[in-house]
Amino acid sequence: MADPFSIISLIEGSISLVVQCGSVAKSLSDITTNHKQANLTILSMVQEVDTLEFAWSRIRDWSQDYAGSGADVIK
């Protein structure tokens, strides 16, 4: 049978490993969450840029039609 000091050391070492594993799991979870949020942010930004691009193309088309109609732009 092992002496009490060895048993206590084994228990302390096991607890330390469990705490470290929990810390690693938490860090990986945080990284995963941040990655998902970054992905959603990037997708949102792409959608906004697409909307702006569409709006500018409509403004360009309107201004070309307006200028082509012979109307005075500035009165």
Protein backbone atom coordinates (compact mmCIF):
# COMPACT_ATOMS: atom_id res chain seq x y z
CA MET A 1 0.00 0.00 0.00
CA ALA A 2 1.20 3.50 -0.89
CA ASP A 3 2.03 5.95 1.84
CA PRO A 4 -0.42 8.82 2.56
CA PHE A 5 1.95 11.45 1.14
CA SER A 6 2.06 9.67 -2.26
CA ILE A 7 -1.73 9.36 -2.34
CA ILE A 8 -2.20 13.05 -1.50
CA SER A 9 0.37 14.04 -4.14
CA LEU A 10 -1.41 11.87 -6.72
CA ILE A 11 -4.76 13.49 -5.86
CA GLU A 12 -3.30 17.01 -6.01
CA GLY A 13 -1.66 16.26 -9.36
CA SER A 14 -4.93 14.86 -10.71
CA ILE A 15 -6.86 17.92 -9.55
CA SER A 16 -4.26 20.19 -11.16
CA LEU A 17 -4.61 18.32 -14.47
CA VAL A 18 -8.41 18.59 -14.32
CA VAL A 19 -8.18 22.34 -13.70
CA GLN A 20 -5.75 22.76 -16.61
CA CYS A 21 -7.98 20.69 -18.92
CA GLY A 22 -10.95 22.86 -17.91
CA SER A 23 -8.93 25.97 -18.67
CA VAL A 24 -7.95 24.66 -22.10
CA ALA A 25 -11.55 23.69 -22.85
CA LYS A 26 -12.74 27.20 -21.85
CA SER A 27 -10.06 28.83 -24.05
CA LEU A 28 -11.03 26.67 -27.03
CA SER A 29 -14.69 27.48 -26.47
CA ASP A 30 -13.90 31.22 -26.36
CA ILE A 31 -11.87 30.97 -29.59
CA THR A 32 -14.72 29.11 -31.30
CA THR A 33 -17.27 31.70 -30.16
CA ASN A 34 -15.08 34.60 -31.31
CA HIS A 35 -14.53 32.94 -34.68
CA LYS A 36 -18.28 32.48 -35.20
CA GLN A 37 -18.92 36.12 -34.27
CA ALA A 38 -16.16 37.30 -36.61
CA ASN A 39 -17.63 35.26 -39.43
CA LEU A 40 -21.07 36.82 -38.88
CA THR A 41 -19.52 40.29 -38.73
CA ILE A 42 -17.69 39.75 -42.02
CA LEU A 43 -20.84 38.42 -43.70
CA SER A 44 -22.78 41.44 -42.45
CA MET A 45 -20.12 43.82 -43.79
CA VAL A 46 -20.17 42.07 -47.19
CA GLN A 47 -23.94 42.46 -47.34
CA GLU A 48 -23.68 46.16 -46.48
CA VAL A 49 -21.05 46.70 -49.19
CA ASP A 50 -23.27 44.90 -51.72
CA THR A 51 -26.16 47.17 -50.75
CA LEU A 52 -23.98 50.28 -51.13
CA GLU A 53 -22.71 49.06 -54.48
CA PHE A 54 -26.28 48.56 -55.68
CA ALA A 55 -27.30 52.01 -54.43
CA TRP A 56 -24.36 53.68 -56.20
CA SER A 57 -25.13 51.86 -59.43
CA ARG A 58 -28.74 53.10 -59.25
CA ILE A 59 -27.56 56.66 -58.56
CA ARG A 60 -25.13 56.41 -61.50
CA ASP A 61 -27.89 55.15 -63.80
CA TRP A 62 -30.26 57.89 -62.64
CA SER A 63 -27.65 60.62 -63.08
CA GLN A 64 -26.77 59.41 -66.58
CA ASP A 65 -30.44 59.30 -67.55
CA TYR A 66 -30.99 62.74 -66.03
CA ALA A 67 -27.96 64.26 -67.76
CA GLY A 68 -28.90 62.55 -71.02
CA SER A 69 -32.36 64.07 -70.96
CA GLY A 70 -30.90 67.56 -71.39
CA ALA A 71 -32.10 68.74 -67.98
CA ASP A 72 -30.03 71.26 -66.09
CA VAL A 73 -28.42 69.59 -63.11
CA ILE A 74 -27.85 72.88 -61.28
CA LYS A 75 -30.48 75.61 -61.46
